[in-house]
Amino acid sequence: MTYDVLYVDDEPENLTVFEAACAGRFNVLIASSAAQALELLRQHVVYVLLSDQRMPNMTGLELLERVSRDYPDVVRMLVTAYSDTQTAIDAINRGQVRRYLKKPWQQLELMAALAEGVERRELRAKLCALERRLLETERVYSLGVITAGLARELEGPVTAVRAHVANVRNLVRATLEATPPDS
């Protein structure tokens, strides 16, 4: 199975290098702007989003912050050529990034980060599926408990009705037996 990985960078040569490096392993989506990235996120199930920090109109951090809010399941990563401690802190706190990578990236490090991001997304999906199954199981169990309780509650009145029906049968039999055959 191939997984959609989205890379956002305003420099076309970086997009080309990323696509060439990752195309064999992932389904690579590329965007040259944050706006284009948001459009691709609406159209595809993106597992990992890797964004450059310094872009016109909307920074990578602003994009990741928005994606964190609108697409919380997407694993987010920030890449930059500039060492900026405050950006790294903000990326973690505001954009909730999983990784912070430096340009130029090392191919092995990049592949490992993307593979880890895909695995994290898959694990999160499995966890959600297990939680849904657990809730369904709890609902079925609860219905069983309620049904058993109702059955116990109804057992007394049903037993009483059966006893009354048996008494009525006995009275009808006794009446029929006591009645002369010719009447």
C-alpha atoms as a PDB file:
ATOM      1  CA  MET A   1       0.000   0.000   0.000  1.00  0.00           C
ATOM      2  CA  THR A   2       1.275   3.477  -0.809  1.00  0.00           C
ATOM      3  CA  TYR A   3       0.782   6.384   1.510  1.00  0.00           C
ATOM      4  CA  ASP A   4       0.300  10.030   0.561  1.00  0.00           C
ATOM      5  CA  VAL A   5       3.111  12.242   1.783  1.00  0.00           C
ATOM      6  CA  LEU A   6       2.820  15.980   1.109  1.00  0.00           C
ATOM      7  CA  TYR A   7       5.844  18.234   0.815  1.00  0.00           C
ATOM      8  CA  VAL A   8       5.385  22.018   0.761  1.00  0.00           C
ATOM      9  CA  ASP A   9       8.168  24.344  -0.369  1.00  0.00           C
ATOM     10  CA  ASP A  10       8.168  27.541  -2.426  1.00  0.00           C
ATOM     11  CA  GLU A  11      11.451  26.562  -4.107  1.00  0.00           C
ATOM     12  CA  PRO A  12      10.759  24.336  -7.161  1.00  0.00           C
ATOM     13  CA  GLU A  13      14.170  22.632  -7.034  1.00  0.00           C
ATOM     14  CA  ASN A  14      13.490  21.416  -3.481  1.00  0.00           C
ATOM     15  CA  LEU A  15      10.170  19.953  -4.599  1.00  0.00           C
ATOM     16  CA  THR A  16      11.923  18.141  -7.450  1.00  0.00           C
ATOM     17  CA  VAL A  17      14.618  16.713  -5.168  1.00  0.00           C
ATOM     18  CA  PHE A  18      12.054  15.571  -2.596  1.00  0.00           C
ATOM     19  CA  GLU A  19       9.894  13.946  -5.239  1.00  0.00           C
ATOM     20  CA  ALA A  20      12.887  12.128  -6.748  1.00  0.00           C
ATOM     21  CA  ALA A  21      14.078  10.954  -3.327  1.00  0.00           C
ATOM     22  CA  CYS A  22      10.718   9.659  -2.102  1.00  0.00           C
ATOM     23  CA  ALA A  23       8.688   8.670  -5.163  1.00  0.00           C
ATOM     24  CA  GLY A  24       9.628   4.996  -5.009  1.00  0.00           C
ATOM     25  CA  ARG A  25       8.558   4.568  -1.417  1.00  0.00           C
ATOM     26  CA  PHE A  26       5.594   6.941  -0.983  1.00  0.00           C
ATOM     27  CA  ASN A  27       2.893   8.539  -3.074  1.00  0.00           C
ATOM     28  CA  VAL A  28       4.433  12.014  -3.192  1.00  0.00           C
ATOM     29  CA  LEU A  29       2.264  15.105  -3.358  1.00  0.00           C
ATOM     30  CA  ILE A  30       3.997  18.455  -3.751  1.00  0.00           C
ATOM     31  CA  ALA A  31       2.781  21.996  -3.216  1.00  0.00           C
ATOM     32  CA  SER A  32       4.575  25.274  -3.843  1.00  0.00           C
ATOM     33  CA  SER A  33       2.440  27.213  -1.350  1.00  0.00           C
ATOM     34  CA  ALA A  34       0.459  26.741   1.827  1.00  0.00           C
ATOM     35  CA  ALA A  35      -2.772  27.471  -0.065  1.00  0.00           C
ATOM     36  CA  GLN A  36      -2.012  24.728  -2.569  1.00  0.00           C
ATOM     37  CA  ALA A  37      -1.159  22.370   0.304  1.00  0.00           C
ATOM     38  CA  LEU A  38      -4.510  23.031   1.974  1.00  0.00           C
ATOM     39  CA  GLU A  39      -6.271  22.242  -1.296  1.00  0.00           C
ATOM     40  CA  LEU A  40      -4.372  18.943  -1.591  1.00  0.00           C
ATOM     41  CA  LEU A  41      -5.292  18.094   2.004  1.00  0.00           C
ATOM     42  CA  ARG A  42      -8.970  18.512   1.093  1.00  0.00           C
ATOM     43  CA  GLN A  43      -8.570  16.128  -1.848  1.00  0.00           C
ATOM     44  CA  HIS A  44      -6.305  13.388  -0.430  1.00  0.00           C
ATOM     45  CA  VAL A  45      -5.826  11.333   2.706  1.00  0.00           C
ATOM     46  CA  VAL A  46      -2.400  12.654   3.620  1.00  0.00           C
ATOM     47  CA  TYR A  47      -0.427  10.655   6.173  1.00  0.00           C
ATOM     48  CA  VAL A  48       2.565  12.957   6.582  1.00  0.00           C
ATOM     49  CA  LEU A  49       2.966  16.669   5.838  1.00  0.00           C
ATOM     50  CA  LEU A  50       6.484  18.064   5.602  1.00  0.00           C
ATOM     51  CA  SER A  51       6.596  21.836   5.219  1.00  0.00           C
ATOM     52  CA  ASP A  52       9.338  24.381   4.663  1.00  0.00           C
ATOM     53  CA  GLN A  53       9.253  27.171   7.241  1.00  0.00           C
ATOM     54  CA  ARG A  54      10.015  30.306   5.220  1.00  0.00           C
ATOM     55  CA  MET A  55       7.391  30.753   2.508  1.00  0.00           C
ATOM     56  CA  PRO A  56       5.509  33.819   1.276  1.00  0.00           C
ATOM     57  CA  ASN A  57       1.937  34.552   2.456  1.00  0.00           C
ATOM     58  CA  MET A  58       1.875  31.805   5.098  1.00  0.00           C
ATOM     59  CA  THR A  59       4.856  30.317   6.942  1.00  0.00           C
ATOM     60  CA  GLY A  60       5.280  26.611   7.407  1.00  0.00           C
ATOM     61  CA  LEU A  61       4.525  27.030  11.098  1.00  0.00           C
ATOM     62  CA  GLU A  62       1.232  28.802  10.330  1.00  0.00           C
ATOM     63  CA  LEU A  63       0.339  26.034   7.881  1.00  0.00           C
ATOM     64  CA  LEU A  64       1.161  23.301  10.384  1.00  0.00           C
ATOM     65  CA  GLU A  65      -0.825  25.066  13.088  1.00  0.00           C
ATOM     66  CA  ARG A  66      -3.857  25.191  10.801  1.00  0.00           C
ATOM     67  CA  VAL A  67      -3.409  21.564   9.747  1.00  0.00           C
ATOM     68  CA  SER A  68      -3.144  20.594  13.413  1.00  0.00           C
ATOM     69  CA  ARG A  69      -6.562  22.111  13.967  1.00  0.00           C
ATOM     70  CA  ASP A  70      -8.288  21.041  10.721  1.00  0.00           C
ATOM     71  CA  TYR A  71      -6.578  17.679  10.047  1.00  0.00           C
ATOM     72  CA  PRO A  72      -5.334  16.438  13.434  1.00  0.00           C
ATOM     73  CA  ASP A  73      -4.525  12.930  12.173  1.00  0.00           C
ATOM     74  CA  VAL A  74      -1.915  14.203   9.713  1.00  0.00           C
ATOM     75  CA  VAL A  75       1.603  13.747  11.082  1.00  0.00           C
ATOM     76  CA  ARG A  76       3.314  17.136  10.778  1.00  0.00           C
ATOM     77  CA  MET A  77       7.000  17.912  10.232  1.00  0.00           C
ATOM     78  CA  LEU A  78       8.850  21.174   9.676  1.00  0.00           C
ATOM     79  CA  VAL A  79      11.980  21.599   7.584  1.00  0.00           C
ATOM     80  CA  THR A  80      14.121  24.708   7.433  1.00  0.00           C
ATOM     81  CA  ALA A  81      17.555  25.864   6.364  1.00  0.00           C
ATOM     82  CA  TYR A  82      17.686  28.341   9.252  1.00  0.00           C
ATOM     83  CA  SER A  83      18.438  27.555  12.870  1.00  0.00           C
ATOM     84  CA  ASP A  84      15.860  29.386  14.908  1.00  0.00           C
ATOM     85  CA  THR A  85      15.192  28.115  18.410  1.00  0.00           C
ATOM     86  CA  GLN A  86      11.962  30.073  18.797  1.00  0.00           C
ATOM     87  CA  THR A  87      10.598  28.632  15.551  1.00  0.00           C
ATOM     88  CA  ALA A  88      11.438  25.131  16.761  1.00  0.00           C
ATOM     89  CA  ILE A  89       9.686  25.770  20.078  1.00  0.00           C
ATOM     90  CA  ASP A  90       6.648  27.267  18.344  1.00  0.00           C
ATOM     91  CA  ALA A  91       6.549  24.365  15.881  1.00  0.00           C
ATOM     92  CA  ILE A  92       6.342  21.920  18.747  1.00  0.00           C
ATOM     93  CA  ASN A  93       3.913  23.932  20.873  1.00  0.00           C
ATOM     94  CA  ARG A  94       1.651  25.488  18.221  1.00  0.00           C
ATOM     95  CA  GLY A  95       1.993  23.253  15.185  1.00  0.00           C
ATOM     96  CA  GLN A  96       2.465  20.093  17.222  1.00  0.00           C
ATOM     97  CA  VAL A  97       5.126  18.874  14.825  1.00  0.00           C
ATOM     98  CA  ARG A  98       6.502  15.387  15.137  1.00  0.00           C
ATOM     99  CA  ARG A  99       9.898  16.229  13.653  1.00  0.00           C
ATOM    100  CA  TYR A 100      11.993  19.314  12.972  1.00  0.00           C
ATOM    101  CA  LEU A 101      14.462  18.712  10.122  1.00  0.00           C
ATOM    102  CA  LYS A 102      17.310  20.862   8.819  1.00  0.00           C
ATOM    103  CA  LYS A 103      17.947  21.584   5.152  1.00  0.00           C
ATOM    104  CA  PRO A 104      19.654  20.098   3.366  1.00  0.00           C
ATOM    105  CA  TRP A 105      18.257  16.867   4.756  1.00  0.00           C
ATOM    106  CA  GLN A 106      20.058  13.561   4.824  1.00  0.00           C
ATOM    107  CA  GLN A 107      18.149  11.069   2.705  1.00  0.00           C
ATOM    108  CA  LEU A 108      18.324   8.263   5.293  1.00  0.00           C
ATOM    109  CA  GLU A 109      17.139  10.591   8.047  1.00  0.00           C
ATOM    110  CA  LEU A 110      14.310  11.886   5.832  1.00  0.00           C
ATOM    111  CA  MET A 111      13.174   8.374   4.847  1.00  0.00           C
ATOM    112  CA  ALA A 112      13.275   7.237   8.464  1.00  0.00           C
ATOM    113  CA  ALA A 113      11.260  10.276   9.588  1.00  0.00           C
ATOM    114  CA  LEU A 114       8.639   9.760   6.864  1.00  0.00           C
ATOM    115  CA  ALA A 115       8.398   6.012   7.566  1.00  0.00           C
ATOM    116  CA  GLU A 116       7.994   6.752  11.279  1.00  0.00           C
ATOM    117  CA  GLY A 117       5.290   9.312  10.479  1.00  0.00           C
ATOM    118  CA  VAL A 118       3.363   6.830   8.336  1.00  0.00           C
ATOM    119  CA  GLU A 119       3.676   4.167  11.033  1.00  0.00           C
ATOM    120  CA  ARG A 120       2.461   6.622  13.672  1.00  0.00           C
ATOM    121  CA  ARG A 121      -0.569   7.517  11.545  1.00  0.00           C
ATOM    122  CA  GLU A 122      -1.377   3.821  10.994  1.00  0.00           C
ATOM    123  CA  LEU A 123      -1.056   3.077  14.712  1.00  0.00           C
ATOM    124  CA  ARG A 124      -3.341   5.985  15.528  1.00  0.00           C
ATOM    125  CA  ALA A 125      -5.933   4.648  13.032  1.00  0.00           C
ATOM    126  CA  LYS A 126      -5.702   1.154  14.566  1.00  0.00           C
ATOM    127  CA  LEU A 127      -6.098   2.599  18.048  1.00  0.00           C
ATOM    128  CA  CYS A 128      -9.217   4.509  16.979  1.00  0.00           C
ATOM    129  CA  ALA A 129     -10.660   1.334  15.423  1.00  0.00           C
ATOM    130  CA  LEU A 130      -9.983  -0.598  18.647  1.00  0.00           C
ATOM    131  CA  GLU A 131     -11.607   2.146  20.714  1.00  0.00           C
ATOM    132  CA  ARG A 132     -14.714   1.974  18.490  1.00  0.00           C
ATOM    133  CA  ARG A 133     -14.842  -1.808  18.860  1.00  0.00           C
ATOM    134  CA  LEU A 134     -14.459  -1.498  22.621  1.00  0.00           C
ATOM    135  CA  LEU A 135     -17.333   0.991  22.789  1.00  0.00           C
ATOM    136  CA  GLU A 136     -19.515  -1.303  20.675  1.00  0.00           C
ATOM    137  CA  THR A 137     -18.635  -4.253  22.917  1.00  0.00           C
ATOM    138  CA  GLU A 138     -19.447  -2.206  26.011  1.00  0.00           C
ATOM    139  CA  ARG A 139     -22.820  -1.240  24.512  1.00  0.00           C
ATOM    140  CA  VAL A 140     -23.672  -4.872  23.729  1.00  0.00           C
ATOM    141  CA  TYR A 141     -22.584  -5.900  27.221  1.00  0.00           C
ATOM    142  CA  SER A 142     -24.711  -3.136  28.746  1.00  0.00           C
ATOM    143  CA  LEU A 143     -27.720  -4.255  26.727  1.00  0.00           C
ATOM    144  CA  GLY A 144     -27.147  -7.811  27.975  1.00  0.00           C
ATOM    145  CA  VAL A 145     -27.006  -6.628  31.589  1.00  0.00           C
ATOM    146  CA  ILE A 146     -30.185  -4.571  31.144  1.00  0.00           C
ATOM    147  CA  THR A 147     -31.973  -7.488  29.455  1.00  0.00           C
ATOM    148  CA  ALA A 148     -30.944  -9.891  32.214  1.00  0.00           C
ATOM    149  CA  GLY A 149     -32.144  -7.394  34.826  1.00  0.00           C
ATOM    150  CA  LEU A 150     -35.480  -6.993  33.084  1.00  0.00           C
ATOM    151  CA  ALA A 151     -35.846 -10.756  32.811  1.00  0.00           C
ATOM    152  CA  ARG A 152     -35.264 -11.088  36.565  1.00  0.00           C
ATOM    153  CA  GLU A 153     -37.734  -8.288  37.254  1.00  0.00           C
ATOM    154  CA  LEU A 154     -40.367  -9.872  35.014  1.00  0.00           C
ATOM    155  CA  GLU A 155     -39.805 -13.367  36.389  1.00  0.00           C
ATOM    156  CA  GLY A 156     -41.880 -12.692  39.523  1.00  0.00           C
ATOM    157  CA  PRO A 157     -44.965 -11.299  37.751  1.00  0.00           C
ATOM    158  CA  VAL A 158     -44.788 -13.970  35.023  1.00  0.00           C
ATOM    159  CA  THR A 159     -44.614 -16.700  37.661  1.00  0.00           C
ATOM    160  CA  ALA A 160     -47.619 -15.160  39.422  1.00  0.00           C
ATOM    161  CA  VAL A 161     -49.588 -15.004  36.146  1.00  0.00           C
ATOM    162  CA  ARG A 162     -48.724 -18.652  35.417  1.00  0.00           C
ATOM    163  CA  ALA A 163     -49.939 -19.623  38.872  1.00  0.00           C
ATOM    164  CA  HIS A 164     -53.216 -17.737  38.349  1.00  0.00           C
ATOM    165  CA  VAL A 165     -53.698 -19.352  34.928  1.00  0.00           C
ATOM    166  CA  ALA A 166     -53.088 -22.783  36.472  1.00  0.00           C
ATOM    167  CA  ASN A 167     -55.646 -21.982  39.202  1.00  0.00           C
ATOM    168  CA  VAL A 168     -58.195 -20.856  36.597  1.00  0.00           C
ATOM    169  CA  ARG A 169     -57.628 -24.094  34.609  1.00  0.00           C
ATOM    170  CA  ASN A 170     -58.092 -26.130  37.751  1.00  0.00           C
ATOM    171  CA  LEU A 171     -61.294 -24.234  38.581  1.00  0.00           C
ATOM    172  CA  VAL A 172     -62.605 -24.686  35.035  1.00  0.00           C
ATOM    173  CA  ARG A 173     -61.795 -28.427  35.148  1.00  0.00           C
ATOM    174  CA  ALA A 174     -63.383 -28.768  38.543  1.00  0.00           C
ATOM    175  CA  THR A 175     -66.456 -26.917  37.317  1.00  0.00           C
ATOM    176  CA  LEU A 176     -66.670 -29.076  34.209  1.00  0.00           C
ATOM    177  CA  GLU A 177     -66.278 -32.239  36.244  1.00  0.00           C
ATOM    178  CA  ALA A 178     -68.903 -31.104  38.741  1.00  0.00           C
ATOM    179  CA  THR A 179     -71.404 -30.225  36.040  1.00  0.00           C
ATOM    180  CA  PRO A 180     -73.730 -33.075  35.075  1.00  0.00           C
ATOM    181  CA  PRO A 181     -73.079 -34.350  31.566  1.00  0.00           C
ATOM    182  CA  ASP A 182     -76.655 -33.669  30.346  1.00  0.00           C
ATOM    183  CA  SER A 183     -76.691 -29.989  31.281  1.00  0.00           C
END
